[in-house]
C-alpha atoms as a PDB file:
ATOM      1  CA  MET A   1      61.504   1.208  35.293  1.00  0.00           C
ATOM      2  CA  ASN A   2      63.280   4.483  34.601  1.00  0.00           C
ATOM      3  CA  ASP A   3      62.780   6.380  37.857  1.00  0.00           C
ATOM      4  CA  LEU A   4      65.900   8.041  39.219  1.00  0.00           C
ATOM      5  CA  VAL A   5      66.931   6.864  42.695  1.00  0.00           C
ATOM      6  CA  SER A   6      69.204   9.112  44.765  1.00  0.00           C
ATOM      7  CA  VAL A   7      71.417   7.058  47.095  1.00  0.00           C
ATOM      8  CA  ILE A   8      72.911   9.224  49.843  1.00  0.00           C
ATOM      9  CA  VAL A   9      76.054   8.096  51.706  1.00  0.00           C
ATOM     10  CA  PRO A  10      77.528  10.160  54.597  1.00  0.00           C
ATOM     11  CA  VAL A  11      81.246   9.424  55.042  1.00  0.00           C
ATOM     12  CA  TYR A  12      83.512  10.017  58.017  1.00  0.00           C
ATOM     13  CA  ASN A  13      86.732   8.091  58.753  1.00  0.00           C
ATOM     14  CA  VAL A  14      85.639   4.757  57.265  1.00  0.00           C
ATOM     15  CA  GLU A  15      88.729   3.968  55.219  1.00  0.00           C
ATOM     16  CA  PRO A  16      88.513   0.169  55.703  1.00  0.00           C
ATOM     17  CA  TYR A  17      84.855  -0.030  54.605  1.00  0.00           C
ATOM     18  CA  ILE A  18      83.940   2.740  52.169  1.00  0.00           C
ATOM     19  CA  LYS A  19      85.081   1.058  48.941  1.00  0.00           C
ATOM     20  CA  ARG A  20      83.062  -2.047  49.758  1.00  0.00           C
ATOM     21  CA  CYS A  21      80.052   0.159  50.413  1.00  0.00           C
ATOM     22  CA  LEU A  22      80.353   2.190  47.200  1.00  0.00           C
ATOM     23  CA  ASP A  23      81.131  -0.877  45.089  1.00  0.00           C
ATOM     24  CA  SER A  24      77.915  -2.485  46.347  1.00  0.00           C
ATOM     25  CA  ILE A  25      75.967   0.596  45.241  1.00  0.00           C
ATOM     26  CA  SER A  26      77.714   0.985  41.872  1.00  0.00           C
ATOM     27  CA  GLY A  27      77.158  -2.699  41.234  1.00  0.00           C
ATOM     28  CA  GLN A  28      73.386  -2.572  41.715  1.00  0.00           C
ATOM     29  CA  THR A  29      71.352  -4.322  39.034  1.00  0.00           C
ATOM     30  CA  TYR A  30      69.214  -1.181  38.798  1.00  0.00           C
ATOM     31  CA  ARG A  31      71.381   1.325  36.991  1.00  0.00           C
ATOM     32  CA  ASN A  32      69.493   4.631  37.031  1.00  0.00           C
ATOM     33  CA  LEU A  33      71.104   5.866  40.217  1.00  0.00           C
ATOM     34  CA  GLU A  34      72.392   9.180  41.468  1.00  0.00           C
ATOM     35  CA  ILE A  35      75.001   8.280  44.098  1.00  0.00           C
ATOM     36  CA  ILE A  36      75.629  11.246  46.398  1.00  0.00           C
ATOM     37  CA  VAL A  37      78.668  10.720  48.611  1.00  0.00           C
ATOM     38  CA  VAL A  38      79.207  13.364  51.296  1.00  0.00           C
ATOM     39  CA  ASP A  39      82.630  13.389  52.915  1.00  0.00           C
ATOM     40  CA  ASP A  40      82.046  14.947  56.331  1.00  0.00           C
ATOM     41  CA  GLY A  41      85.612  16.164  56.898  1.00  0.00           C
ATOM     42  CA  SER A  42      87.284  12.752  57.121  1.00  0.00           C
ATOM     43  CA  LYS A  43      90.806  12.760  58.534  1.00  0.00           C
ATOM     44  CA  ASP A  44      91.853   9.395  57.052  1.00  0.00           C
ATOM     45  CA  ASN A  45      91.985   8.288  53.402  1.00  0.00           C
ATOM     46  CA  SER A  46      88.208   8.014  53.024  1.00  0.00           C
ATOM     47  CA  ALA A  47      87.968  11.098  50.784  1.00  0.00           C
ATOM     48  CA  SER A  48      90.650   9.888  48.367  1.00  0.00           C
ATOM     49  CA  ILE A  49      88.995   6.461  48.122  1.00  0.00           C
ATOM     50  CA  CYS A  50      85.676   8.172  47.406  1.00  0.00           C
ATOM     51  CA  GLN A  51      87.365  10.236  44.693  1.00  0.00           C
ATOM     52  CA  GLU A  52      88.768   7.080  43.084  1.00  0.00           C
ATOM     53  CA  CYS A  53      85.286   5.549  43.079  1.00  0.00           C
ATOM     54  CA  ALA A  54      83.820   8.749  41.602  1.00  0.00           C
ATOM     55  CA  ASP A  55      86.439   8.727  38.837  1.00  0.00           C
ATOM     56  CA  ALA A  56      85.397   5.166  38.006  1.00  0.00           C
ATOM     57  CA  ASP A  57      81.628   5.797  38.071  1.00  0.00           C
ATOM     58  CA  SER A  58      80.193   9.008  36.621  1.00  0.00           C
ATOM     59  CA  ARG A  59      76.996   8.523  38.650  1.00  0.00           C
ATOM     60  CA  ILE A  60      78.873   9.315  41.868  1.00  0.00           C
ATOM     61  CA  LYS A  61      78.711  12.938  43.035  1.00  0.00           C
ATOM     62  CA  LEU A  62      81.286  13.671  45.722  1.00  0.00           C
ATOM     63  CA  ILE A  63      80.667  16.522  48.163  1.00  0.00           C
ATOM     64  CA  LYS A  64      83.331  17.581  50.644  1.00  0.00           C
ATOM     65  CA  LYS A  65      82.371  19.595  53.709  1.00  0.00           C
ATOM     66  CA  GLU A  66      83.547  20.349  57.230  1.00  0.00           C
ATOM     67  CA  ASN A  67      82.635  17.897  59.923  1.00  0.00           C
ATOM     68  CA  GLU A  68      79.132  18.421  61.339  1.00  0.00           C
ATOM     69  CA  GLY A  69      77.912  14.862  61.837  1.00  0.00           C
ATOM     70  CA  SER A  70      76.205  12.221  59.707  1.00  0.00           C
ATOM     71  CA  GLY A  71      72.804  13.906  59.913  1.00  0.00           C
ATOM     72  CA  PHE A  72      74.047  17.156  58.408  1.00  0.00           C
ATOM     73  CA  ALA A  73      75.998  15.167  55.809  1.00  0.00           C
ATOM     74  CA  ARG A  74      72.749  13.497  54.764  1.00  0.00           C
ATOM     75  CA  ASN A  75      71.083  16.916  54.714  1.00  0.00           C
ATOM     76  CA  ALA A  76      73.713  18.132  52.238  1.00  0.00           C
ATOM     77  CA  GLY A  77      72.938  15.116  50.074  1.00  0.00           C
ATOM     78  CA  MET A  78      69.182  15.698  50.221  1.00  0.00           C
ATOM     79  CA  ASP A  79      69.667  19.351  49.293  1.00  0.00           C
ATOM     80  CA  ILE A  80      71.064  18.413  45.862  1.00  0.00           C
ATOM     81  CA  ALA A  81      69.200  15.141  45.278  1.00  0.00           C
ATOM     82  CA  ASN A  82      67.259  14.937  42.001  1.00  0.00           C
ATOM     83  CA  GLY A  83      65.812  11.442  42.418  1.00  0.00           C
ATOM     84  CA  ASP A  84      62.191  10.389  42.315  1.00  0.00           C
ATOM     85  CA  TYR A  85      63.099   8.163  45.271  1.00  0.00           C
ATOM     86  CA  ILE A  86      65.712   8.445  48.028  1.00  0.00           C
ATOM     87  CA  PHE A  87      67.685   5.690  49.740  1.00  0.00           C
ATOM     88  CA  PHE A  88      70.191   6.141  52.596  1.00  0.00           C
ATOM     89  CA  VAL A  89      73.247   3.920  53.109  1.00  0.00           C
ATOM     90  CA  ASP A  90      75.704   4.176  55.999  1.00  0.00           C
ATOM     91  CA  SER A  91      79.290   4.191  54.767  1.00  0.00           C
ATOM     92  CA  ASP A  92      80.368   1.016  56.578  1.00  0.00           C
ATOM     93  CA  ASP A  93      77.326  -0.950  55.374  1.00  0.00           C
ATOM     94  CA  TYR A  94      76.610  -2.481  51.978  1.00  0.00           C
ATOM     95  CA  LEU A  95      73.757  -3.630  49.753  1.00  0.00           C
ATOM     96  CA  ILE A  96      72.800  -6.917  48.157  1.00  0.00           C
ATOM     97  CA  SER A  97      73.155  -6.527  44.400  1.00  0.00           C
ATOM     98  CA  ASN A  98      69.434  -6.315  43.541  1.00  0.00           C
ATOM     99  CA  CYS A  99      68.372  -4.247  46.568  1.00  0.00           C
ATOM    100  CA  ILE A 100      67.307  -1.087  44.738  1.00  0.00           C
ATOM    101  CA  GLU A 101      65.698  -2.994  41.859  1.00  0.00           C
ATOM    102  CA  ARG A 102      63.537  -5.066  44.183  1.00  0.00           C
ATOM    103  CA  LEU A 103      62.436  -2.194  46.420  1.00  0.00           C
ATOM    104  CA  LEU A 104      61.689   0.109  43.505  1.00  0.00           C
ATOM    105  CA  SER A 105      59.706  -2.544  41.633  1.00  0.00           C
ATOM    106  CA  VAL A 106      57.507  -3.060  44.702  1.00  0.00           C
ATOM    107  CA  ALA A 107      57.147   0.690  45.256  1.00  0.00           C
ATOM    108  CA  LEU A 108      55.952   1.197  41.683  1.00  0.00           C
ATOM    109  CA  ALA A 109      53.689  -1.866  41.642  1.00  0.00           C
ATOM    110  CA  GLU A 110      51.902  -0.703  44.798  1.00  0.00           C
ATOM    111  CA  ASN A 111      52.288   3.048  44.338  1.00  0.00           C
ATOM    112  CA  ALA A 112      53.824   2.992  47.830  1.00  0.00           C
ATOM    113  CA  ASP A 113      55.305   5.999  49.589  1.00  0.00           C
ATOM    114  CA  MET A 114      57.817   3.842  51.452  1.00  0.00           C
ATOM    115  CA  VAL A 115      59.198   0.311  51.088  1.00  0.00           C
ATOM    116  CA  ASN A 116      60.901  -1.142  54.170  1.00  0.00           C
ATOM    117  CA  CYS A 117      63.095  -4.218  53.697  1.00  0.00           C
ATOM    118  CA  SER A 118      64.791  -6.397  56.297  1.00  0.00           C
ATOM    119  CA  TYR A 119      68.463  -6.017  57.162  1.00  0.00           C
ATOM    120  CA  ILE A 120      71.027  -8.241  58.806  1.00  0.00           C
ATOM    121  CA  GLU A 121      73.569  -7.119  61.395  1.00  0.00           C
ATOM    122  CA  GLY A 122      77.067  -8.550  61.647  1.00  0.00           C
ATOM    123  CA  SER A 123      80.808  -8.000  61.695  1.00  0.00           C
ATOM    124  CA  GLU A 124      81.660 -10.152  58.675  1.00  0.00           C
ATOM    125  CA  SER A 125      82.095  -8.960  55.117  1.00  0.00           C
ATOM    126  CA  ASN A 126      80.942 -11.946  53.109  1.00  0.00           C
ATOM    127  CA  TYR A 127      77.146 -11.811  53.319  1.00  0.00           C
ATOM    128  CA  ASN A 128      75.800 -11.681  49.780  1.00  0.00           C
ATOM    129  CA  VAL A 129      72.809 -13.997  49.765  1.00  0.00           C
ATOM    130  CA  ILE A 130      70.128 -12.825  47.345  1.00  0.00           C
ATOM    131  CA  PRO A 131      66.842 -13.534  49.160  1.00  0.00           C
ATOM    132  CA  LYS A 132      63.898 -15.335  47.678  1.00  0.00           C
ATOM    133  CA  LYS A 133      60.841 -13.228  47.020  1.00  0.00           C
ATOM    134  CA  LYS A 134      58.127 -13.478  49.649  1.00  0.00           C
ATOM    135  CA  PRO A 135      54.610 -12.095  49.984  1.00  0.00           C
ATOM    136  CA  TYR A 136      54.793  -8.587  51.397  1.00  0.00           C
ATOM    137  CA  ARG A 137      52.502  -6.645  53.691  1.00  0.00           C
ATOM    138  CA  ILE A 138      50.899  -3.272  53.071  1.00  0.00           C
ATOM    139  CA  CYS A 139      50.008  -0.947  55.906  1.00  0.00           C
ATOM    140  CA  THR A 140      49.075   2.655  56.609  1.00  0.00           C
ATOM    141  CA  ASN A 141      51.275   5.068  58.508  1.00  0.00           C
ATOM    142  CA  ILE A 142      49.117   4.686  61.624  1.00  0.00           C
ATOM    143  CA  ASP A 143      49.341   0.894  61.471  1.00  0.00           C
ATOM    144  CA  ALA A 144      53.115   1.146  61.128  1.00  0.00           C
ATOM    145  CA  PHE A 145      53.291   3.048  64.413  1.00  0.00           C
ATOM    146  CA  LYS A 146      50.916   0.623  66.123  1.00  0.00           C
ATOM    147  CA  THR A 147      52.795  -2.531  65.119  1.00  0.00           C
ATOM    148  CA  ARG A 148      56.271  -0.970  65.310  1.00  0.00           C
ATOM    149  CA  ASP A 149      57.089  -2.932  62.133  1.00  0.00           C
ATOM    150  CA  VAL A 150      58.939   0.081  60.719  1.00  0.00           C
ATOM    151  CA  LYS A 151      61.899   0.894  62.935  1.00  0.00           C
ATOM    152  CA  ALA A 152      63.655   4.210  63.497  1.00  0.00           C
ATOM    153  CA  PRO A 153      66.914   3.555  61.571  1.00  0.00           C
ATOM    154  CA  VAL A 154      66.800   5.505  58.331  1.00  0.00           C
ATOM    155  CA  HIS A 155      68.503   2.804  56.281  1.00  0.00           C
ATOM    156  CA  ALA A 156      66.917  -0.176  54.461  1.00  0.00           C
ATOM    157  CA  LYS A 157      64.005   2.005  53.336  1.00  0.00           C
ATOM    158  CA  LEU A 158      63.160   3.408  49.917  1.00  0.00           C
ATOM    159  CA  TYR A 159      61.331   6.730  50.243  1.00  0.00           C
ATOM    160  CA  LYS A 160      59.284   8.543  47.644  1.00  0.00           C
ATOM    161  CA  ARG A 161      60.781  12.000  47.254  1.00  0.00           C
ATOM    162  CA  SER A 162      57.509  13.694  48.249  1.00  0.00           C
ATOM    163  CA  VAL A 163      57.626  11.886  51.615  1.00  0.00           C
ATOM    164  CA  VAL A 164      61.108  13.199  52.378  1.00  0.00           C
ATOM    165  CA  GLY A 165      60.084  16.714  51.350  1.00  0.00           C
ATOM    166  CA  ASN A 166      61.804  19.384  53.418  1.00  0.00           C
ATOM    167  CA  ASN A 167      62.401  17.149  56.441  1.00  0.00           C
ATOM    168  CA  ARG A 168      66.004  17.294  57.623  1.00  0.00           C
ATOM    169  CA  PHE A 169      68.163  15.816  60.392  1.00  0.00           C
ATOM    170  CA  PRO A 170      68.867  17.922  63.500  1.00  0.00           C
ATOM    171  CA  LYS A 171      72.341  19.161  64.383  1.00  0.00           C
ATOM    172  CA  GLU A 172      74.557  17.804  67.171  1.00  0.00           C
ATOM    173  CA  ILE A 173      72.399  14.744  67.841  1.00  0.00           C
ATOM    174  CA  THR A 174      74.002  11.305  67.787  1.00  0.00           C
ATOM    175  CA  PHE A 175      70.852   9.202  67.429  1.00  0.00           C
ATOM    176  CA  ASP A 176      69.405  11.515  64.799  1.00  0.00           C
ATOM    177  CA  ASP A 177      67.278   8.815  63.147  1.00  0.00           C
ATOM    178  CA  GLU A 178      64.945   9.092  66.137  1.00  0.00           C
ATOM    179  CA  PHE A 179      64.277  12.740  65.257  1.00  0.00           C
ATOM    180  CA  PHE A 180      63.759  12.146  61.542  1.00  0.00           C
ATOM    181  CA  THR A 181      62.306   8.829  60.422  1.00  0.00           C
ATOM    182  CA  TYR A 182      58.999   9.082  62.296  1.00  0.00           C
ATOM    183  CA  LYS A 183      58.125  12.182  60.264  1.00  0.00           C
ATOM    184  CA  LEU A 184      58.625  10.242  57.031  1.00  0.00           C
ATOM    185  CA  ILE A 185      56.568   7.319  58.344  1.00  0.00           C
ATOM    186  CA  TYR A 186      53.805   9.757  59.273  1.00  0.00           C
ATOM    187  CA  GLY A 187      53.940  11.329  55.828  1.00  0.00           C
ATOM    188  CA  ALA A 188      53.780   7.965  54.059  1.00  0.00           C
ATOM    189  CA  LYS A 189      50.136   6.994  53.586  1.00  0.00           C
ATOM    190  CA  LYS A 190      50.995   3.610  52.046  1.00  0.00           C
ATOM    191  CA  ILE A 191      53.925   1.539  53.332  1.00  0.00           C
ATOM    192  CA  VAL A 192      55.132  -1.858  52.141  1.00  0.00           C
ATOM    193  CA  ILE A 193      56.825  -4.166  54.649  1.00  0.00           C
ATOM    194  CA  LEU A 194      59.171  -6.440  52.705  1.00  0.00           C
ATOM    195  CA  ASP A 195      60.434  -9.403  54.749  1.00  0.00           C
ATOM    196  CA  GLU A 196      63.459  -9.910  52.519  1.00  0.00           C
ATOM    197  CA  THR A 197      67.037  -9.032  53.516  1.00  0.00           C
ATOM    198  CA  TYR A 198      68.795  -6.696  51.104  1.00  0.00           C
ATOM    199  CA  TYR A 199      70.852  -4.549  53.486  1.00  0.00           C
ATOM    200  CA  TYR A 200      73.912  -5.525  55.524  1.00  0.00           C
ATOM    201  CA  TYR A 201      74.376  -3.426  58.658  1.00  0.00           C
ATOM    202  CA  TYR A 202      78.018  -3.693  59.652  1.00  0.00           C
ATOM    203  CA  ILE A 203      78.652  -3.621  63.390  1.00  0.00           C
ATOM    204  CA  ASN A 204      81.631  -1.311  63.525  1.00  0.00           C
ATOM    205  CA  PRO A 205      83.285  -1.368  66.980  1.00  0.00           C
ATOM    206  CA  ASN A 206      84.840   2.046  66.297  1.00  0.00           C
ATOM    207  CA  SER A 207      81.683   3.838  65.203  1.00  0.00           C
ATOM    208  CA  ILE A 208      80.616   7.077  66.897  1.00  0.00           C
ATOM    209  CA  MET A 209      77.202   5.568  67.551  1.00  0.00           C
ATOM    210  CA  ARG A 210      78.627   2.775  69.656  1.00  0.00           C
ATOM    211  CA  SER A 211      80.965   5.094  71.551  1.00  0.00           C
ATOM    212  CA  MET A 212      78.031   7.355  72.451  1.00  0.00           C
ATOM    213  CA  LYS A 213      75.697   4.631  73.699  1.00  0.00           C
ATOM    214  CA  LYS A 214      75.742   6.037  77.250  1.00  0.00           C
ATOM    215  CA  LYS A 215      73.688   8.961  75.948  1.00  0.00           C
ATOM    216  CA  MET A 216      71.072   6.697  74.353  1.00  0.00           C
ATOM    217  CA  PRO A 217      68.298   6.816  77.016  1.00  0.00           C
ATOM    218  CA  LEU A 218      68.609  10.594  77.419  1.00  0.00           C
ATOM    219  CA  GLN A 219      68.435  11.165  73.673  1.00  0.00           C
ATOM    220  CA  TYR A 220      65.452   8.811  73.433  1.00  0.00           C
ATOM    221  CA  ILE A 221      63.647  11.066  75.882  1.00  0.00           C
ATOM    222  CA  LYS A 222      64.542  14.226  73.963  1.00  0.00           C
ATOM    223  CA  ALA A 223      63.510  12.644  70.648  1.00  0.00           C
ATOM    224  CA  PHE A 224      60.168  11.443  71.962  1.00  0.00           C
ATOM    225  CA  GLU A 225      59.403  14.785  73.601  1.00  0.00           C
ATOM    226  CA  GLU A 226      59.733  16.302  70.147  1.00  0.00           C
ATOM    227  CA  ARG A 227      57.568  13.524  68.716  1.00  0.00           C
ATOM    228  CA  PHE A 228      54.837  14.140  71.310  1.00  0.00           C
ATOM    229  CA  ALA A 229      54.734  17.817  70.314  1.00  0.00           C
ATOM    230  CA  PHE A 230      54.686  16.910  66.606  1.00  0.00           C
ATOM    231  CA  PHE A 231      51.676  14.611  66.998  1.00  0.00           C
ATOM    232  CA  ASN A 232      49.908  16.929  69.446  1.00  0.00           C
ATOM    233  CA  ASP A 233      50.121  19.773  66.947  1.00  0.00           C
ATOM    234  CA  ARG A 234      48.359  17.528  64.433  1.00  0.00           C
ATOM    235  CA  ALA A 235      45.742  16.288  66.929  1.00  0.00           C
ATOM    236  CA  GLU A 236      47.040  12.719  66.555  1.00  0.00           C
ATOM    237  CA  HIS A 237      46.274  11.774  70.146  1.00  0.00           C
ATOM    238  CA  GLU A 238      46.393   8.035  69.528  1.00  0.00           C
ATOM    239  CA  LEU A 239      49.921   8.378  68.146  1.00  0.00           C
ATOM    240  CA  VAL A 240      50.930  10.399  71.210  1.00  0.00           C
ATOM    241  CA  GLY A 241      49.833   7.504  73.407  1.00  0.00           C
ATOM    242  CA  ILE A 242      51.574   4.939  71.201  1.00  0.00           C
ATOM    243  CA  SER A 243      54.754   7.018  71.346  1.00  0.00           C
ATOM    244  CA  HIS A 244      54.669   7.178  75.144  1.00  0.00           C
ATOM    245  CA  LYS A 245      54.506   3.395  75.300  1.00  0.00           C
ATOM    246  CA  GLU A 246      57.240   3.041  72.695  1.00  0.00           C
ATOM    247  CA  LEU A 247      59.502   5.298  74.751  1.00  0.00           C
ATOM    248  CA  ALA A 248      58.744   3.132  77.787  1.00  0.00           C
ATOM    249  CA  ILE A 249      59.789   0.053  75.827  1.00  0.00           C
ATOM    250  CA  ARG A 250      63.002   1.745  74.660  1.00  0.00           C
ATOM    251  CA  LEU A 251      63.865   2.687  78.235  1.00  0.00           C
ATOM    252  CA  MET A 252      63.126  -0.819  79.441  1.00  0.00           C
ATOM    253  CA  LEU A 253      65.340  -2.366  76.752  1.00  0.00           C
ATOM    254  CA  SER A 254      68.156   0.069  77.526  1.00  0.00           C
ATOM    255  CA  TYR A 255      67.872  -0.862  81.188  1.00  0.00           C
ATOM    256  CA  MET A 256      67.928  -4.558  80.386  1.00  0.00           C
ATOM    257  CA  ASP A 257      70.982  -4.162  78.141  1.00  0.00           C
ATOM    258  CA  ARG A 258      73.906  -4.594  80.472  1.00  0.00           C
ATOM    259  CA  HIS A 259      76.305  -2.471  78.401  1.00  0.00           C
ATOM    260  CA  HIS A 260      73.876   0.412  78.029  1.00  0.00           C
ATOM    261  CA  TYR A 261      72.970   0.279  81.709  1.00  0.00           C
ATOM    262  CA  GLU A 262      76.558   0.274  82.973  1.00  0.00           C
ATOM    263  CA  GLU A 263      77.536   3.309  80.902  1.00  0.00           C
ATOM    264  CA  CYS A 264      74.259   5.217  81.075  1.00  0.00           C
ATOM    265  CA  ASP A 265      74.171   8.644  82.694  1.00  0.00           C
ATOM    266  CA  MET A 266      70.807   7.793  84.298  1.00  0.00           C
ATOM    267  CA  THR A 267      70.459   5.888  87.540  1.00  0.00           C
ATOM    268  CA  ALA A 268      68.448   2.676  87.670  1.00  0.00           C
ATOM    269  CA  LYS A 269      65.872   4.384  89.873  1.00  0.00           C
ATOM    270  CA  ASP A 270      65.418   7.243  87.390  1.00  0.00           C
ATOM    271  CA  MET A 271      65.090   4.885  84.447  1.00  0.00           C
ATOM    272  CA  ILE A 272      62.484   2.718  86.176  1.00  0.00           C
ATOM    273  CA  SER A 273      60.550   5.824  87.224  1.00  0.00           C
ATOM    274  CA  LEU A 274      60.550   7.123  83.651  1.00  0.00           C
ATOM    275  CA  PHE A 275      59.494   3.733  82.328  1.00  0.00           C
ATOM    276  CA  ARG A 276      56.496   3.604  84.630  1.00  0.00           C
ATOM    277  CA  ARG A 277      55.533   7.220  83.916  1.00  0.00           C
ATOM    278  CA  GLU A 278      55.706   6.837  80.128  1.00  0.00           C
ATOM    279  CA  PHE A 279      53.773   3.574  80.148  1.00  0.00           C
ATOM    280  CA  LYS A 280      51.016   5.111  82.282  1.00  0.00           C
ATOM    281  CA  GLN A 281      50.959   8.178  80.063  1.00  0.00           C
ATOM    282  CA  GLY A 282      50.502   5.967  77.022  1.00  0.00           C
ATOM    283  CA  ILE A 283      47.558   4.238  78.642  1.00  0.00           C
ATOM    284  CA  SER A 284      45.925   7.576  79.515  1.00  0.00           C
ATOM    285  CA  PHE A 285      45.849   8.385  75.804  1.00  0.00           C
ATOM    286  CA  VAL A 286      44.961   4.967  74.385  1.00  0.00           C
ATOM    287  CA  GLY A 287      42.992   3.381  77.229  1.00  0.00           C
ATOM    288  CA  GLY A 288      41.431  -0.065  77.115  1.00  0.00           C
ATOM    289  CA  ILE A 289      41.122  -3.073  79.429  1.00  0.00           C
ATOM    290  CA  LYS A 290      44.175  -4.852  78.017  1.00  0.00           C
ATOM    291  CA  GLU A 291      46.354  -1.803  78.595  1.00  0.00           C
ATOM    292  CA  LYS A 292      45.168  -1.453  82.189  1.00  0.00           C
ATOM    293  CA  MET A 293      45.814  -5.129  82.818  1.00  0.00           C
ATOM    294  CA  SER A 294      49.279  -4.680  81.323  1.00  0.00           C
ATOM    295  CA  LEU A 295      49.919  -1.791  83.683  1.00  0.00           C
ATOM    296  CA  GLN A 296      49.211  -4.050  86.650  1.00  0.00           C
ATOM    297  CA  LEU A 297      51.838  -6.447  85.309  1.00  0.00           C
ATOM    298  CA  PHE A 298      54.319  -3.643  84.676  1.00  0.00           C
ATOM    299  CA  ASN A 299      53.849  -2.435  88.241  1.00  0.00           C
ATOM    300  CA  LEU A 300      55.913  -5.517  89.100  1.00  0.00           C
ATOM    301  CA  PHE A 301      58.681  -4.218  86.833  1.00  0.00           C
ATOM    302  CA  PRO A 302      61.142  -2.974  89.507  1.00  0.00           C
ATOM    303  CA  ASN A 303      61.133  -6.291  91.375  1.00  0.00           C
ATOM    304  CA  VAL A 304      61.364  -8.349  88.200  1.00  0.00           C
ATOM    305  CA  MET A 305      64.114  -6.164  86.779  1.00  0.00           C
ATOM    306  CA  THR A 306      66.101  -6.324  90.014  1.00  0.00           C
ATOM    307  CA  LYS A 307      66.150 -10.109  89.702  1.00  0.00           C
ATOM    308  CA  ILE A 308      67.148  -9.902  86.051  1.00  0.00           C
ATOM    309  CA  MET A 309      69.931  -7.396  86.728  1.00  0.00           C
ATOM    310  CA  ASN A 310      71.244  -9.430  89.661  1.00  0.00           C
ATOM    311  CA  PHE A 311      71.241 -12.532  87.479  1.00  0.00           C
ATOM    312  CA  ALA A 312      73.190 -10.634  84.796  1.00  0.00           C
ATOM    313  CA  GLY A 313      75.707  -9.486  87.385  1.00  0.00           C
ATOM    314  CA  VAL A 314      74.832  -5.805  87.111  1.00  0.00           C
ATOM    315  CA  LYS A 315      74.844  -3.952  90.412  1.00  0.00           C
END
């Protein structure tokens, strides 16, 4: 294998974690990497740590820019990327040592447009278990949307450069993955689902994402409205219906999550109303007896959810 892989890392105020992240990338068993580190106007010592890492590894390209958010930092990385494949890493996360080698080998063996591996979430820093190889699954882009096996987070996925193309993250959006990844999934005709864990997603209590969780349901709605228009323009009516039901599920999960619910800008009544509307809208596109039977069950949702919320102590 001699394909160049561009690894893009947006950095903002992650002084305690960035060296661990970059060391895990520099230490990959696959060596033909272009490591693009974009400092998004950090106010701590992140930039100097990145510079030290760049001085130690000539493959690291350090870009410094004014703060515009992680999405625009990734955009800056994509704009100069030369790789045949692209891989995104968040700056407080890290990779298992053979992550890139394994994903790239599968991508080349199957001529896949995207390889999606598993990731583990946690707040520890000592996870470094190299997983055993397992049989993997191959699916089309449509199947990926149907099964929801490929999630919205941009990380833990190796993308063929042609799939990324000119797609870019939007500005001033916190949950920007929701506006970006679905376009890459749609553009990937052959996707490999790899049930092996090569990515460690660090749960950072100080991250911007966690501090902005009250906006999550509202940004879900905005993201899916854009997705509906995207699929409608391409006459992908089945995917419009699937997306309506996925939005309904996201709203339901946000409502069931006590922390999201307590800090959400939406009222319980509004969220339940949106859930029911989106689920019905999904059925109007997809149809089918099972969906209609499911709707009858979901009509019980407000009563069931009231019991669940009361049990959880949420008023």
